[in-house]
Amino acid sequence: MLPNLFLTLVCCGLMLFSFQDSLIFYPIDANNPRYGEFRAQEITIDSHGHQLQGWHFRNQDPTSDSVLLYFGGNAEDVTFNFDELDKFGASEFYFFNYRGYGRSSGKPSQK
């Protein structure tokens, strides 16, 4: 009985370790139909050999000279936050998707 339980726990642990990135990260489809709707410039930056896709906005009516830099979270395309820009008085906004999210190349991982 005890060897079977041990073998089962070891197998479960190996499976969890092997599939941890797919269990943790949930990239959003890169073909977001909203991408053509924005009054922003689509930009990319190089990050350790990967292209991170992002957006640059200039505020039409800024209340400060600040710049907002935002990287999306897990299971989030940064375009989900564009409706909230009016809450900030920054003069410019930069939004970037992490590796594997949106049109950013690469694959998300814990590294």
N, C-alpha and C. Protein backbone atom coordinates (compact mmCIF):
# COMPACT_ATOMS: atom_id res chain seq x y z
N MET A 1 0.83 -1.21 0.00
CA MET A 1 0.00 0.00 0.00
C MET A 1 0.87 1.26 0.00
N LEU A 2 1.85 1.30 0.88
CA LEU A 2 2.71 2.47 1.00
C LEU A 2 3.54 2.72 -0.27
N PRO A 3 4.11 1.70 -0.92
CA PRO A 3 4.85 1.96 -2.17
C PRO A 3 3.95 2.51 -3.28
N ASN A 4 2.69 2.06 -3.35
CA ASN A 4 1.77 2.57 -4.37
C ASN A 4 1.44 4.05 -4.12
N LEU A 5 1.25 4.41 -2.88
CA LEU A 5 0.99 5.80 -2.53
C LEU A 5 2.19 6.68 -2.86
N PHE A 6 3.36 6.22 -2.53
CA PHE A 6 4.59 6.95 -2.83
C PHE A 6 4.74 7.14 -4.33
N LEU A 7 4.53 6.08 -5.11
CA LEU A 7 4.64 6.15 -6.56
C LEU A 7 3.61 7.13 -7.14
N THR A 8 2.41 7.10 -6.61
CA THR A 8 1.36 8.01 -7.05
C THR A 8 1.73 9.46 -6.76
N LEU A 9 2.24 9.74 -5.57
CA LEU A 9 2.66 11.10 -5.22
C LEU A 9 3.83 11.57 -6.07
N VAL A 10 4.78 10.71 -6.34
CA VAL A 10 5.92 11.07 -7.19
C VAL A 10 5.43 11.39 -8.61
N CYS A 11 4.55 10.56 -9.15
CA CYS A 11 4.01 10.80 -10.50
C CYS A 11 3.23 12.12 -10.56
N CYS A 12 2.42 12.38 -9.56
CA CYS A 12 1.65 13.64 -9.52
C CYS A 12 2.60 14.84 -9.44
N GLY A 13 3.63 14.72 -8.61
CA GLY A 13 4.60 15.80 -8.49
C GLY A 13 5.33 16.05 -9.79
N LEU A 14 5.73 15.00 -10.49
CA LEU A 14 6.40 15.15 -11.79
C LEU A 14 5.48 15.77 -12.83
N MET A 15 4.22 15.38 -12.83
CA MET A 15 3.27 15.97 -13.78
C MET A 15 3.05 17.45 -13.50
N LEU A 16 2.89 17.80 -12.24
CA LEU A 16 2.72 19.21 -11.89
C LEU A 16 3.94 20.02 -12.27
N PHE A 17 5.13 19.47 -12.03
CA PHE A 17 6.36 20.18 -12.40
C PHE A 17 6.45 20.35 -13.91
N SER A 18 6.13 19.31 -14.66
CA SER A 18 6.24 19.35 -16.11
C SER A 18 5.27 20.34 -16.76
N PHE A 19 4.09 20.46 -16.20
CA PHE A 19 3.05 21.31 -16.80
C PHE A 19 2.80 22.60 -16.03
N GLN A 20 3.74 23.01 -15.17
CA GLN A 20 3.50 24.16 -14.31
C GLN A 20 3.26 25.45 -15.08
N ASP A 21 4.00 25.68 -16.16
CA ASP A 21 3.79 26.93 -16.91
C ASP A 21 2.40 26.99 -17.53
N SER A 22 1.91 25.86 -18.06
CA SER A 22 0.57 25.88 -18.66
C SER A 22 -0.53 25.96 -17.59
N LEU A 23 -0.21 25.58 -16.37
CA LEU A 23 -1.19 25.69 -15.29
C LEU A 23 -1.21 27.08 -14.66
N ILE A 24 -0.11 27.83 -14.83
CA ILE A 24 0.02 29.14 -14.21
C ILE A 24 -0.35 30.27 -15.16
N PHE A 25 0.11 30.19 -16.41
CA PHE A 25 -0.05 31.29 -17.36
C PHE A 25 -1.16 30.99 -18.36
N TYR A 26 -1.94 32.02 -18.68
CA TYR A 26 -3.06 31.89 -19.60
C TYR A 26 -2.98 32.98 -20.67
N PRO A 27 -2.12 32.80 -21.68
CA PRO A 27 -2.00 33.84 -22.72
C PRO A 27 -3.30 34.04 -23.47
N ILE A 28 -3.54 35.28 -23.86
CA ILE A 28 -4.71 35.66 -24.63
C ILE A 28 -4.37 35.57 -26.12
N ASP A 29 -5.34 35.25 -26.95
CA ASP A 29 -5.15 35.11 -28.39
C ASP A 29 -4.55 36.38 -28.98
N ALA A 30 -3.57 36.22 -29.85
CA ALA A 30 -2.89 37.36 -30.46
C ALA A 30 -3.73 38.06 -31.52
N ASN A 31 -4.81 37.46 -31.95
CA ASN A 31 -5.64 38.06 -32.99
C ASN A 31 -6.83 38.79 -32.39
N ASN A 32 -6.54 39.67 -31.45
CA ASN A 32 -7.58 40.45 -30.79
C ASN A 32 -8.23 41.37 -31.82
N PRO A 33 -9.53 41.25 -32.06
CA PRO A 33 -10.18 42.10 -33.06
C PRO A 33 -10.20 43.58 -32.68
N ARG A 34 -9.95 43.90 -31.42
CA ARG A 34 -9.96 45.30 -30.98
C ARG A 34 -8.71 46.05 -31.42
N TYR A 35 -7.66 45.38 -31.87
CA TYR A 35 -6.38 46.03 -32.17
C TYR A 35 -6.49 47.15 -33.20
N GLY A 36 -7.44 47.08 -34.10
CA GLY A 36 -7.58 48.12 -35.10
C GLY A 36 -8.38 49.32 -34.65
N GLU A 37 -8.91 49.31 -33.43
CA GLU A 37 -9.83 50.36 -32.97
C GLU A 37 -9.18 51.50 -32.19
N PHE A 38 -7.89 51.43 -31.91
CA PHE A 38 -7.32 52.34 -30.94
C PHE A 38 -6.66 53.56 -31.57
N ARG A 39 -6.71 54.65 -30.86
CA ARG A 39 -6.05 55.89 -31.26
C ARG A 39 -4.62 55.90 -30.74
N ALA A 40 -3.94 54.80 -30.92
CA ALA A 40 -2.59 54.64 -30.39
C ALA A 40 -1.68 54.08 -31.47
N GLN A 41 -0.40 54.27 -31.23
CA GLN A 41 0.60 53.72 -32.13
C GLN A 41 1.05 52.37 -31.57
N GLU A 42 0.97 51.35 -32.39
CA GLU A 42 1.46 50.04 -31.97
C GLU A 42 2.98 50.04 -32.08
N ILE A 43 3.66 49.60 -31.02
CA ILE A 43 5.12 49.62 -30.99
C ILE A 43 5.64 48.27 -30.50
N THR A 44 6.91 48.02 -30.73
CA THR A 44 7.57 46.82 -30.19
C THR A 44 8.91 47.23 -29.59
N ILE A 45 9.31 46.49 -28.56
CA ILE A 45 10.65 46.66 -27.98
C ILE A 45 11.29 45.28 -27.90
N ASP A 46 12.61 45.27 -27.94
CA ASP A 46 13.35 44.02 -27.83
C ASP A 46 13.66 43.75 -26.37
N SER A 47 13.37 42.54 -25.92
CA SER A 47 13.64 42.14 -24.55
C SER A 47 14.28 40.76 -24.55
N HIS A 48 15.58 40.72 -24.42
CA HIS A 48 16.31 39.45 -24.35
C HIS A 48 15.99 38.54 -25.52
N GLY A 49 15.99 39.10 -26.72
CA GLY A 49 15.76 38.31 -27.93
C GLY A 49 14.31 38.11 -28.29
N HIS A 50 13.39 38.68 -27.54
CA HIS A 50 11.96 38.57 -27.85
C HIS A 50 11.40 39.96 -28.13
N GLN A 51 10.42 40.01 -29.02
CA GLN A 51 9.75 41.26 -29.34
C GLN A 51 8.51 41.40 -28.47
N LEU A 52 8.48 42.43 -27.63
CA LEU A 52 7.31 42.71 -26.82
C LEU A 52 6.45 43.73 -27.55
N GLN A 53 5.22 43.37 -27.77
CA GLN A 53 4.28 44.23 -28.48
C GLN A 53 3.61 45.16 -27.49
N GLY A 54 3.45 46.41 -27.89
CA GLY A 54 2.83 47.36 -27.00
C GLY A 54 2.14 48.49 -27.74
N TRP A 55 1.71 49.47 -26.96
CA TRP A 55 0.95 50.60 -27.49
C TRP A 55 1.45 51.88 -26.85
N HIS A 56 1.50 52.94 -27.63
CA HIS A 56 1.89 54.26 -27.13
C HIS A 56 0.75 55.24 -27.39
N PHE A 57 0.33 55.91 -26.33
CA PHE A 57 -0.72 56.94 -26.41
C PHE A 57 -0.14 58.27 -25.99
N ARG A 58 -0.56 59.31 -26.61
CA ARG A 58 -0.31 60.68 -26.14
C ARG A 58 -1.66 61.22 -25.66
N ASN A 59 -1.66 61.72 -24.44
CA ASN A 59 -2.89 62.26 -23.87
C ASN A 59 -3.19 63.60 -24.52
N GLN A 60 -4.41 63.78 -24.96
CA GLN A 60 -4.83 65.02 -25.60
C GLN A 60 -4.98 66.16 -24.61
N ASP A 61 -5.26 65.81 -23.35
CA ASP A 61 -5.48 66.82 -22.32
C ASP A 61 -4.79 66.41 -21.01
N PRO A 62 -3.44 66.39 -21.00
CA PRO A 62 -2.74 65.93 -19.78
C PRO A 62 -2.84 66.94 -18.64
N THR A 63 -2.84 66.42 -17.44
CA THR A 63 -2.82 67.29 -16.25
C THR A 63 -1.46 67.24 -15.55
N SER A 64 -0.54 66.43 -16.09
CA SER A 64 0.82 66.38 -15.55
C SER A 64 1.79 65.95 -16.64
N ASP A 65 3.08 66.06 -16.34
CA ASP A 65 4.11 65.64 -17.29
C ASP A 65 4.52 64.18 -17.10
N SER A 66 3.82 63.46 -16.27
CA SER A 66 4.20 62.08 -15.95
C SER A 66 3.93 61.15 -17.14
N VAL A 67 4.61 60.02 -17.10
CA VAL A 67 4.46 58.97 -18.11
C VAL A 67 4.08 57.69 -17.39
N LEU A 68 3.06 57.00 -17.87
CA LEU A 68 2.62 55.75 -17.27
C LEU A 68 3.13 54.59 -18.11
N LEU A 69 3.85 53.66 -17.48
CA LEU A 69 4.36 52.46 -18.11
C LEU A 69 3.66 51.28 -17.47
N TYR A 70 3.01 50.44 -18.30
CA TYR A 70 2.22 49.35 -17.75
C TYR A 70 2.51 48.05 -18.50
N PHE A 71 2.76 46.99 -17.75
CA PHE A 71 2.90 45.64 -18.29
C PHE A 71 1.72 44.84 -17.78
N GLY A 72 1.02 44.16 -18.69
CA GLY A 72 -0.17 43.42 -18.33
C GLY A 72 0.09 42.28 -17.36
N GLY A 73 -0.97 41.83 -16.73
CA GLY A 73 -0.88 40.72 -15.79
C GLY A 73 -1.25 39.40 -16.44
N ASN A 74 -1.36 38.38 -15.63
CA ASN A 74 -1.68 37.05 -16.13
C ASN A 74 -3.09 37.01 -16.71
N ALA A 75 -3.21 36.34 -17.83
CA ALA A 75 -4.50 36.20 -18.54
C ALA A 75 -5.08 37.55 -18.93
N GLU A 76 -4.21 38.49 -19.27
CA GLU A 76 -4.67 39.84 -19.60
C GLU A 76 -3.94 40.35 -20.83
N ASP A 77 -4.70 40.86 -21.75
CA ASP A 77 -4.14 41.63 -22.85
C ASP A 77 -4.25 43.08 -22.40
N VAL A 78 -3.19 43.85 -22.57
CA VAL A 78 -3.19 45.22 -22.05
C VAL A 78 -4.29 46.08 -22.65
N THR A 79 -4.83 45.69 -23.79
CA THR A 79 -5.89 46.49 -24.40
C THR A 79 -7.15 46.53 -23.55
N PHE A 80 -7.28 45.61 -22.59
CA PHE A 80 -8.44 45.61 -21.70
C PHE A 80 -8.46 46.86 -20.82
N ASN A 81 -7.33 47.55 -20.67
CA ASN A 81 -7.23 48.70 -19.78
C ASN A 81 -7.37 50.05 -20.49
N PHE A 82 -7.50 50.04 -21.80
CA PHE A 82 -7.52 51.30 -22.53
C PHE A 82 -8.73 52.17 -22.20
N ASP A 83 -9.81 51.58 -21.78
CA ASP A 83 -11.00 52.36 -21.43
C ASP A 83 -10.80 53.16 -20.15
N GLU A 84 -9.78 52.83 -19.38
CA GLU A 84 -9.52 53.47 -18.09
C GLU A 84 -8.52 54.63 -18.18
N LEU A 85 -8.03 54.97 -19.36
CA LEU A 85 -6.98 55.98 -19.49
C LEU A 85 -7.41 57.36 -18.99
N ASP A 86 -8.67 57.67 -19.10
CA ASP A 86 -9.13 58.99 -18.69
C ASP A 86 -8.98 59.24 -17.19
N LYS A 87 -8.80 58.17 -16.41
CA LYS A 87 -8.64 58.32 -14.97
C LYS A 87 -7.26 58.85 -14.58
N PHE A 88 -6.33 58.79 -15.52
CA PHE A 88 -4.96 59.23 -15.25
C PHE A 88 -4.67 60.49 -16.03
N GLY A 89 -3.93 61.38 -15.44
CA GLY A 89 -3.62 62.64 -16.11
C GLY A 89 -2.26 62.65 -16.78
N ALA A 90 -1.67 61.50 -16.97
CA ALA A 90 -0.33 61.41 -17.55
C ALA A 90 -0.30 61.98 -18.96
N SER A 91 0.86 62.46 -19.36
CA SER A 91 0.99 63.02 -20.71
C SER A 91 1.16 61.93 -21.76
N GLU A 92 1.75 60.79 -21.36
CA GLU A 92 1.94 59.67 -22.28
C GLU A 92 1.72 58.36 -21.55
N PHE A 93 1.30 57.35 -22.33
CA PHE A 93 1.06 56.02 -21.81
C PHE A 93 1.77 54.99 -22.67
N TYR A 94 2.42 54.04 -22.03
CA TYR A 94 3.04 52.91 -22.72
C TYR A 94 2.50 51.64 -22.09
N PHE A 95 1.91 50.79 -22.91
CA PHE A 95 1.36 49.52 -22.46
C PHE A 95 2.06 48.41 -23.22
N PHE A 96 2.53 47.38 -22.52
CA PHE A 96 3.21 46.27 -23.16
C PHE A 96 2.65 44.94 -22.67
N ASN A 97 2.54 44.01 -23.62
CA ASN A 97 2.16 42.64 -23.29
C ASN A 97 3.42 41.85 -22.96
N TYR A 98 3.34 40.99 -21.96
CA TYR A 98 4.45 40.10 -21.63
C TYR A 98 4.66 39.09 -22.74
N ARG A 99 5.76 38.35 -22.66
CA ARG A 99 6.05 37.29 -23.63
C ARG A 99 4.89 36.31 -23.73
N GLY A 100 4.49 36.05 -24.98
CA GLY A 100 3.42 35.10 -25.22
C GLY A 100 2.02 35.67 -25.11
N TYR A 101 1.89 36.92 -24.72
CA TYR A 101 0.57 37.56 -24.61
C TYR A 101 0.41 38.55 -25.76
N GLY A 102 -0.82 38.70 -26.23
CA GLY A 102 -1.04 39.60 -27.35
C GLY A 102 -0.20 39.16 -28.54
N ARG A 103 0.52 40.10 -29.14
CA ARG A 103 1.39 39.79 -30.27
C ARG A 103 2.86 39.71 -29.85
N SER A 104 3.14 39.65 -28.58
CA SER A 104 4.52 39.51 -28.11
C SER A 104 5.02 38.11 -28.38
N SER A 105 6.27 38.02 -28.81
CA SER A 105 6.83 36.71 -29.11
C SER A 105 7.26 36.02 -27.82
N GLY A 106 7.62 34.76 -27.94
CA GLY A 106 8.09 34.01 -26.78
C GLY A 106 6.97 33.27 -26.08
N LYS A 107 7.30 32.77 -24.93
CA LYS A 107 6.38 31.97 -24.15
C LYS A 107 6.51 32.39 -22.69
N PRO A 108 5.42 32.62 -21.98
CA PRO A 108 5.53 33.02 -20.58
C PRO A 108 6.09 31.87 -19.76
N SER A 109 6.92 32.22 -18.78
CA SER A 109 7.47 31.21 -17.87
C SER A 109 7.83 31.88 -16.56
N GLN A 110 8.18 31.08 -15.57
CA GLN A 110 8.56 31.62 -14.27
C GLN A 110 9.95 32.27 -14.31
N LYS A 111 10.74 31.92 -15.28
CA LYS A 111 12.07 32.52 -15.43
C LYS A 111 11.93 33.99 -15.72
